[in-house]
Amino acid sequence: MASSKEYLDFVLEQLSALSDITYRAMMGEYIIYYQGKIVGGIYDDRFLIKPVKSAISLLPDAVYELPYEGAKEMLLVDEVDNRELMAELFNVMLPELPAPKKRKK
């Protein structure tokens, strides 16, 4: 099942306090970037993020879920409607996220 554009728009609206949020559509799902770094994505209308230490400590009760078959587990964000939490989450995660890989020409 692919994710809906409506759910993507909802998540992006919740993140509107942050600058430099972008996304990329990929096989019916959406990868979410913050300042050029991959934070997570929308999979089957679920917002999942990378399980970095800061995210785990901020969301200690978060459930781990697979975005798709064969992928690594990610954290499910249940409180997408909490704008303050979403902004805090992205800001604490940013230093732990890997830099984008350089594209080969």
N, C-alpha and C. Protein backbone atom coordinates (compact mmCIF):
# COMPACT_ATOMS: atom_id res chain seq x y z
N MET A 1 0.84 -1.18 0.00
CA MET A 1 0.00 0.00 0.00
C MET A 1 0.89 1.25 0.00
N ALA A 2 0.65 2.14 -0.90
CA ALA A 2 1.42 3.37 -0.98
C ALA A 2 0.87 4.41 0.00
N SER A 3 1.70 5.35 0.35
CA SER A 3 1.27 6.42 1.25
C SER A 3 0.53 7.49 0.46
N SER A 4 -0.39 8.17 1.13
CA SER A 4 -1.18 9.20 0.47
C SER A 4 -0.47 10.55 0.50
N LYS A 5 -0.73 11.34 -0.52
CA LYS A 5 -0.19 12.70 -0.59
C LYS A 5 -0.78 13.53 0.55
N GLU A 6 -2.01 13.22 0.95
CA GLU A 6 -2.67 13.94 2.04
C GLU A 6 -1.91 13.73 3.35
N TYR A 7 -1.45 12.51 3.61
CA TYR A 7 -0.70 12.25 4.85
C TYR A 7 0.65 12.96 4.79
N LEU A 8 1.30 12.94 3.64
CA LEU A 8 2.55 13.68 3.47
C LEU A 8 2.32 15.16 3.78
N ASP A 9 1.28 15.75 3.20
CA ASP A 9 0.99 17.16 3.43
C ASP A 9 0.74 17.45 4.91
N PHE A 10 0.07 16.52 5.61
CA PHE A 10 -0.18 16.68 7.04
C PHE A 10 1.14 16.70 7.81
N VAL A 11 2.02 15.75 7.53
CA VAL A 11 3.31 15.68 8.22
C VAL A 11 4.13 16.93 7.93
N LEU A 12 4.16 17.36 6.68
CA LEU A 12 4.91 18.57 6.33
C LEU A 12 4.35 19.80 7.04
N GLU A 13 3.05 19.88 7.18
CA GLU A 13 2.43 20.99 7.91
C GLU A 13 2.86 20.98 9.38
N GLN A 14 2.95 19.79 9.97
CA GLN A 14 3.37 19.67 11.37
C GLN A 14 4.83 20.10 11.54
N LEU A 15 5.60 20.00 10.49
CA LEU A 15 7.02 20.37 10.53
C LEU A 15 7.27 21.79 10.01
N SER A 16 6.23 22.55 9.78
CA SER A 16 6.37 23.86 9.14
C SER A 16 7.16 24.87 9.96
N ALA A 17 7.35 24.64 11.25
CA ALA A 17 8.16 25.56 12.08
C ALA A 17 9.65 25.43 11.76
N LEU A 18 10.03 24.33 11.13
CA LEU A 18 11.43 24.09 10.79
C LEU A 18 11.70 24.55 9.36
N SER A 19 12.90 25.07 9.14
CA SER A 19 13.26 25.43 7.77
C SER A 19 14.06 24.29 7.15
N ASP A 20 14.05 24.23 5.86
CA ASP A 20 14.84 23.26 5.11
C ASP A 20 14.36 21.82 5.27
N ILE A 21 13.04 21.62 5.31
CA ILE A 21 12.45 20.29 5.27
C ILE A 21 12.14 19.99 3.81
N THR A 22 12.62 18.88 3.32
CA THR A 22 12.32 18.48 1.95
C THR A 22 11.91 17.01 1.95
N TYR A 23 11.42 16.56 0.82
CA TYR A 23 11.04 15.16 0.70
C TYR A 23 11.29 14.69 -0.71
N ARG A 24 11.34 13.38 -0.86
CA ARG A 24 11.51 12.77 -2.17
C ARG A 24 10.56 11.58 -2.24
N ALA A 25 9.77 11.54 -3.30
CA ALA A 25 8.88 10.40 -3.51
C ALA A 25 9.73 9.22 -3.99
N MET A 26 9.47 8.04 -3.42
CA MET A 26 10.23 6.86 -3.81
C MET A 26 9.34 5.63 -3.71
N MET A 27 8.99 5.07 -4.83
CA MET A 27 8.20 3.84 -4.92
C MET A 27 6.91 3.91 -4.11
N GLY A 28 6.20 5.02 -4.23
CA GLY A 28 4.92 5.17 -3.54
C GLY A 28 5.03 5.63 -2.10
N GLU A 29 6.23 5.82 -1.63
CA GLU A 29 6.45 6.29 -0.26
C GLU A 29 7.23 7.60 -0.33
N TYR A 30 7.54 8.20 0.83
CA TYR A 30 8.23 9.49 0.86
C TYR A 30 9.37 9.47 1.86
N ILE A 31 10.55 9.90 1.42
CA ILE A 31 11.71 10.04 2.29
C ILE A 31 11.72 11.51 2.75
N ILE A 32 11.89 11.72 4.06
CA ILE A 32 11.88 13.07 4.64
C ILE A 32 13.31 13.47 4.99
N TYR A 33 13.70 14.67 4.56
CA TYR A 33 15.04 15.22 4.80
C TYR A 33 14.93 16.48 5.66
N TYR A 34 15.92 16.65 6.52
CA TYR A 34 16.05 17.89 7.29
C TYR A 34 17.47 18.38 7.09
N GLN A 35 17.60 19.57 6.54
CA GLN A 35 18.89 20.17 6.22
C GLN A 35 19.75 19.20 5.41
N GLY A 36 19.13 18.52 4.48
CA GLY A 36 19.83 17.63 3.57
C GLY A 36 20.09 16.23 4.10
N LYS A 37 19.75 15.97 5.35
CA LYS A 37 20.00 14.66 5.96
C LYS A 37 18.69 13.87 6.05
N ILE A 38 18.75 12.57 5.80
CA ILE A 38 17.56 11.74 5.90
C ILE A 38 17.21 11.52 7.37
N VAL A 39 16.00 11.91 7.74
CA VAL A 39 15.50 11.73 9.10
C VAL A 39 14.66 10.47 9.18
N GLY A 40 13.89 10.23 8.16
CA GLY A 40 12.99 9.07 8.14
C GLY A 40 12.14 9.12 6.90
N GLY A 41 10.91 8.63 7.05
CA GLY A 41 10.05 8.62 5.90
C GLY A 41 8.62 8.27 6.26
N ILE A 42 7.78 8.34 5.25
CA ILE A 42 6.38 7.98 5.38
C ILE A 42 6.19 6.69 4.60
N TYR A 43 5.79 5.65 5.30
CA TYR A 43 5.62 4.32 4.74
C TYR A 43 4.23 3.82 5.12
N ASP A 44 3.41 3.53 4.14
CA ASP A 44 2.04 3.05 4.41
C ASP A 44 1.31 3.99 5.37
N ASP A 45 1.44 5.28 5.13
CA ASP A 45 0.83 6.32 5.97
C ASP A 45 1.23 6.21 7.44
N ARG A 46 2.48 5.81 7.68
CA ARG A 46 3.08 5.82 9.02
C ARG A 46 4.34 6.66 8.93
N PHE A 47 4.57 7.50 9.94
CA PHE A 47 5.78 8.31 9.97
C PHE A 47 6.83 7.58 10.79
N LEU A 48 7.88 7.12 10.14
CA LEU A 48 8.96 6.37 10.79
C LEU A 48 10.25 7.16 10.70
N ILE A 49 11.03 7.12 11.80
CA ILE A 49 12.31 7.84 11.83
C ILE A 49 13.45 6.89 12.16
N LYS A 50 14.66 7.34 11.85
CA LYS A 50 15.85 6.54 12.16
C LYS A 50 16.00 6.41 13.68
N PRO A 51 16.36 5.23 14.16
CA PRO A 51 16.46 5.01 15.60
C PRO A 51 17.82 5.44 16.17
N VAL A 52 18.11 6.73 16.09
CA VAL A 52 19.35 7.25 16.68
C VAL A 52 19.13 7.46 18.17
N LYS A 53 20.22 7.55 18.94
CA LYS A 53 20.13 7.62 20.41
C LYS A 53 19.22 8.74 20.90
N SER A 54 19.35 9.92 20.31
CA SER A 54 18.55 11.05 20.79
C SER A 54 17.06 10.82 20.55
N ALA A 55 16.70 10.20 19.45
CA ALA A 55 15.29 9.91 19.16
C ALA A 55 14.75 8.87 20.13
N ILE A 56 15.56 7.86 20.41
CA ILE A 56 15.15 6.81 21.36
C ILE A 56 14.94 7.39 22.75
N SER A 57 15.82 8.31 23.17
CA SER A 57 15.66 8.89 24.51
C SER A 57 14.47 9.85 24.56
N LEU A 58 14.17 10.53 23.47
CA LEU A 58 13.03 11.44 23.45
C LEU A 58 11.70 10.69 23.33
N LEU A 59 11.74 9.52 22.70
CA LEU A 59 10.53 8.70 22.51
C LEU A 59 10.78 7.30 23.10
N PRO A 60 10.93 7.20 24.42
CA PRO A 60 11.31 5.92 25.02
C PRO A 60 10.29 4.80 24.82
N ASP A 61 9.03 5.14 24.60
CA ASP A 61 7.99 4.13 24.44
C ASP A 61 7.65 3.87 22.97
N ALA A 62 8.42 4.44 22.07
CA ALA A 62 8.13 4.27 20.64
C ALA A 62 8.28 2.81 20.23
N VAL A 63 7.45 2.41 19.30
CA VAL A 63 7.45 1.05 18.78
C VAL A 63 8.36 0.99 17.56
N TYR A 64 9.11 -0.09 17.44
CA TYR A 64 9.94 -0.31 16.26
C TYR A 64 9.10 -1.01 15.20
N GLU A 65 9.16 -0.51 13.97
CA GLU A 65 8.43 -1.11 12.87
C GLU A 65 9.31 -1.15 11.63
N LEU A 66 8.98 -2.08 10.75
CA LEU A 66 9.68 -2.17 9.47
C LEU A 66 8.99 -1.27 8.45
N PRO A 67 9.74 -0.43 7.76
CA PRO A 67 9.11 0.40 6.74
C PRO A 67 8.62 -0.45 5.55
N TYR A 68 9.38 -1.50 5.24
CA TYR A 68 9.03 -2.42 4.16
C TYR A 68 9.82 -3.70 4.37
N GLU A 69 9.44 -4.74 3.71
CA GLU A 69 10.08 -6.05 3.83
C GLU A 69 11.58 -5.95 3.54
N GLY A 70 12.40 -6.47 4.44
CA GLY A 70 13.84 -6.50 4.24
C GLY A 70 14.58 -5.26 4.72
N ALA A 71 13.86 -4.27 5.24
CA ALA A 71 14.49 -3.03 5.70
C ALA A 71 14.87 -3.14 7.18
N LYS A 72 15.67 -2.19 7.64
CA LYS A 72 16.00 -2.10 9.06
C LYS A 72 14.82 -1.47 9.80
N GLU A 73 14.66 -1.85 11.07
CA GLU A 73 13.58 -1.29 11.88
C GLU A 73 13.79 0.20 12.11
N MET A 74 12.68 0.90 12.19
CA MET A 74 12.68 2.33 12.46
C MET A 74 11.68 2.60 13.58
N LEU A 75 11.74 3.81 14.16
CA LEU A 75 10.82 4.19 15.23
C LEU A 75 9.55 4.79 14.65
N LEU A 76 8.41 4.32 15.15
CA LEU A 76 7.12 4.87 14.75
C LEU A 76 6.84 6.10 15.58
N VAL A 77 6.54 7.21 14.93
CA VAL A 77 6.18 8.44 15.63
C VAL A 77 4.66 8.48 15.71
N ASP A 78 4.14 8.30 16.92
CA ASP A 78 2.69 8.30 17.14
C ASP A 78 2.12 9.71 17.26
N GLU A 79 2.93 10.62 17.78
CA GLU A 79 2.43 11.97 18.08
C GLU A 79 2.77 12.97 16.97
N VAL A 80 2.43 12.62 15.75
CA VAL A 80 2.72 13.49 14.62
C VAL A 80 1.97 14.82 14.76
N ASP A 81 0.84 14.81 15.44
CA ASP A 81 0.06 16.04 15.59
C ASP A 81 0.63 16.99 16.64
N ASN A 82 1.71 16.61 17.33
CA ASN A 82 2.37 17.45 18.33
C ASN A 82 3.53 18.20 17.66
N ARG A 83 3.25 19.40 17.20
CA ARG A 83 4.25 20.19 16.44
C ARG A 83 5.53 20.45 17.24
N GLU A 84 5.37 20.76 18.54
CA GLU A 84 6.54 21.06 19.37
C GLU A 84 7.44 19.83 19.49
N LEU A 85 6.83 18.68 19.72
CA LEU A 85 7.60 17.44 19.81
C LEU A 85 8.30 17.13 18.49
N MET A 86 7.61 17.32 17.39
CA MET A 86 8.20 17.04 16.08
C MET A 86 9.42 17.93 15.83
N ALA A 87 9.30 19.21 16.14
CA ALA A 87 10.42 20.14 15.94
C ALA A 87 11.59 19.76 16.85
N GLU A 88 11.30 19.46 18.12
CA GLU A 88 12.35 19.06 19.05
C GLU A 88 13.04 17.78 18.58
N LEU A 89 12.24 16.83 18.14
CA LEU A 89 12.76 15.56 17.65
C LEU A 89 13.73 15.75 16.50
N PHE A 90 13.34 16.53 15.52
CA PHE A 90 14.21 16.76 14.36
C PHE A 90 15.48 17.48 14.78
N ASN A 91 15.36 18.47 15.67
CA ASN A 91 16.55 19.23 16.09
C ASN A 91 17.53 18.41 16.91
N VAL A 92 17.03 17.52 17.79
CA VAL A 92 17.97 16.71 18.57
C VAL A 92 18.59 15.60 17.72
N MET A 93 17.88 15.15 16.71
CA MET A 93 18.40 14.08 15.85
C MET A 93 19.47 14.58 14.88
N LEU A 94 19.37 15.81 14.44
CA LEU A 94 20.21 16.33 13.36
C LEU A 94 21.71 16.05 13.53
N PRO A 95 22.31 16.32 14.71
CA PRO A 95 23.75 16.07 14.84
C PRO A 95 24.14 14.60 14.69
N GLU A 96 23.22 13.68 14.98
CA GLU A 96 23.53 12.25 14.90
C GLU A 96 23.32 11.65 13.52
N LEU A 97 22.64 12.35 12.66
CA LEU A 97 22.34 11.81 11.33
C LEU A 97 23.56 11.91 10.43
N PRO A 98 23.81 10.89 9.61
CA PRO A 98 24.97 10.94 8.72
C PRO A 98 24.81 12.00 7.64
N ALA A 99 25.94 12.55 7.23
CA ALA A 99 25.93 13.52 6.15
C ALA A 99 25.50 12.82 4.86
N PRO A 100 24.87 13.58 3.96
CA PRO A 100 24.46 12.97 2.70
C PRO A 100 25.67 12.45 1.92
N LYS A 101 25.47 11.33 1.24
CA LYS A 101 26.55 10.76 0.43
C LYS A 101 26.69 11.58 -0.84
N LYS A 102 27.92 11.75 -1.27
CA LYS A 102 28.20 12.47 -2.51
C LYS A 102 27.77 11.59 -3.69
N ARG A 103 27.09 12.19 -4.63
CA ARG A 103 26.66 11.45 -5.83
C ARG A 103 27.83 11.31 -6.79
N LYS A 104 27.93 10.13 -7.36
CA LYS A 104 28.98 9.91 -8.36
C LYS A 104 28.52 10.49 -9.68
N LYS A 105 29.45 11.08 -10.40
CA LYS A 105 29.11 11.69 -11.69
C LYS A 105 29.39 10.77 -12.83
